Amino acid sequence: MKASELHDKTPDQLRDELVNLKKESFNLRFQQATGQLENPARLKTVKRDVARVHTVLNQKAAAAAAE
């Protein structure tokens, strides 16, 4: 997921995306603990996507506060 895609979304859509990513992260960690994880690199990408969503949400909040 690219940051440019996230900038086009509303804060509500970003929060929904964040919930979905956190659920996916939980499921991946659960699979890793039970030895069923097929793609370990996916953990890293989901973690980074969560950070991107947080960053864009903070940027939008700062822009709204500045107005």
C-alpha atoms as a PDB file:
ATOM      1  CA  MET A   1       0.000   0.000   0.000  1.00  0.00           C
ATOM      2  CA  LYS A   2       1.369   3.372  -0.969  1.00  0.00           C
ATOM      3  CA  ALA A   3       1.069   6.542   1.059  1.00  0.00           C
ATOM      4  CA  SER A   4      -0.371   8.339  -1.970  1.00  0.00           C
ATOM      5  CA  GLU A   5      -3.309   5.915  -1.918  1.00  0.00           C
ATOM      6  CA  LEU A   6      -3.855   6.656   1.762  1.00  0.00           C
ATOM      7  CA  HIS A   7      -3.845  10.441   1.286  1.00  0.00           C
ATOM      8  CA  ASP A   8      -6.920  10.110  -0.945  1.00  0.00           C
ATOM      9  CA  LYS A   9      -8.971   8.416   1.790  1.00  0.00           C
ATOM     10  CA  THR A  10     -11.026  10.079   4.502  1.00  0.00           C
ATOM     11  CA  PRO A  11     -10.072   9.692   8.185  1.00  0.00           C
ATOM     12  CA  ASP A  12     -12.964   7.257   8.704  1.00  0.00           C
ATOM     13  CA  GLN A  13     -11.772   5.092   5.837  1.00  0.00           C
ATOM     14  CA  LEU A  14      -8.250   5.203   7.265  1.00  0.00           C
ATOM     15  CA  ARG A  15      -9.497   4.067  10.662  1.00  0.00           C
ATOM     16  CA  ASP A  16     -11.335   1.159   9.014  1.00  0.00           C
ATOM     17  CA  GLU A  17      -8.165   0.271   7.124  1.00  0.00           C
ATOM     18  CA  LEU A  18      -6.215   0.403  10.379  1.00  0.00           C
ATOM     19  CA  VAL A  19      -8.645  -2.004  12.059  1.00  0.00           C
ATOM     20  CA  ASN A  20      -8.357  -4.420   9.135  1.00  0.00           C
ATOM     21  CA  LEU A  21      -4.566  -4.279   9.180  1.00  0.00           C
ATOM     22  CA  LYS A  22      -4.418  -4.884  12.925  1.00  0.00           C
ATOM     23  CA  LYS A  23      -6.703  -7.905  12.556  1.00  0.00           C
ATOM     24  CA  GLU A  24      -4.478  -9.230   9.795  1.00  0.00           C
ATOM     25  CA  SER A  25      -1.408  -8.631  11.937  1.00  0.00           C
ATOM     26  CA  PHE A  26      -2.977 -10.585  14.797  1.00  0.00           C
ATOM     27  CA  ASN A  27      -3.858 -13.479  12.499  1.00  0.00           C
ATOM     28  CA  LEU A  28      -0.345 -13.551  11.042  1.00  0.00           C
ATOM     29  CA  ARG A  29       1.231 -13.571  14.506  1.00  0.00           C
ATOM     30  CA  PHE A  30      -1.096 -16.383  15.531  1.00  0.00           C
ATOM     31  CA  GLN A  31      -0.119 -18.378  12.438  1.00  0.00           C
ATOM     32  CA  GLN A  32       3.551 -17.784  13.179  1.00  0.00           C
ATOM     33  CA  ALA A  33       3.164 -19.034  16.746  1.00  0.00           C
ATOM     34  CA  THR A  34       1.473 -22.217  15.568  1.00  0.00           C
ATOM     35  CA  GLY A  35       3.958 -22.789  12.755  1.00  0.00           C
ATOM     36  CA  GLN A  36       1.457 -22.303   9.942  1.00  0.00           C
ATOM     37  CA  LEU A  37       2.806 -19.039   8.521  1.00  0.00           C
ATOM     38  CA  GLU A  38       3.593 -19.424   4.820  1.00  0.00           C
ATOM     39  CA  ASN A  39       4.962 -15.954   4.062  1.00  0.00           C
ATOM     40  CA  PRO A  40       6.973 -14.481   6.956  1.00  0.00           C
ATOM     41  CA  ALA A  41       7.696 -11.309   4.966  1.00  0.00           C
ATOM     42  CA  ARG A  42       4.002 -10.425   5.123  1.00  0.00           C
ATOM     43  CA  LEU A  43       4.401  -9.611   8.835  1.00  0.00           C
ATOM     44  CA  LYS A  44       6.867  -6.865   7.979  1.00  0.00           C
ATOM     45  CA  THR A  45       4.718  -5.360   5.227  1.00  0.00           C
ATOM     46  CA  VAL A  46       1.592  -5.295   7.407  1.00  0.00           C
ATOM     47  CA  LYS A  47       3.552  -3.656  10.224  1.00  0.00           C
ATOM     48  CA  ARG A  48       4.780  -0.964   7.850  1.00  0.00           C
ATOM     49  CA  ASP A  49       1.297  -0.430   6.446  1.00  0.00           C
ATOM     50  CA  VAL A  50      -0.007   0.134   9.977  1.00  0.00           C
ATOM     51  CA  ALA A  51       2.713   2.735  10.501  1.00  0.00           C
ATOM     52  CA  ARG A  52       1.826   4.424   7.193  1.00  0.00           C
ATOM     53  CA  VAL A  53      -1.833   4.663   8.145  1.00  0.00           C
ATOM     54  CA  HIS A  54      -0.923   6.142  11.538  1.00  0.00           C
ATOM     55  CA  THR A  55       1.347   8.683   9.843  1.00  0.00           C
ATOM     56  CA  VAL A  56      -1.298   9.792   7.358  1.00  0.00           C
ATOM     57  CA  LEU A  57      -3.932  10.050  10.111  1.00  0.00           C
ATOM     58  CA  ASN A  58      -1.593  12.243  12.162  1.00  0.00           C
ATOM     59  CA  GLN A  59      -0.843  14.422   9.129  1.00  0.00           C
ATOM     60  CA  LYS A  60      -4.546  14.894   8.440  1.00  0.00           C
ATOM     61  CA  ALA A  61      -5.209  15.721  12.098  1.00  0.00           C
ATOM     62  CA  ALA A  62      -2.395  18.290  12.122  1.00  0.00           C
ATOM     63  CA  ALA A  63      -3.679  19.849   8.907  1.00  0.00           C
ATOM     64  CA  ALA A  64      -7.200  20.051  10.333  1.00  0.00           C
ATOM     65  CA  ALA A  65      -5.886  21.669  13.525  1.00  0.00           C
ATOM     66  CA  ALA A  66      -3.886  24.217  11.552  1.00  0.00           C
ATOM     67  CA  GLU A  67      -6.972  25.407   9.665  1.00  0.00           C
END
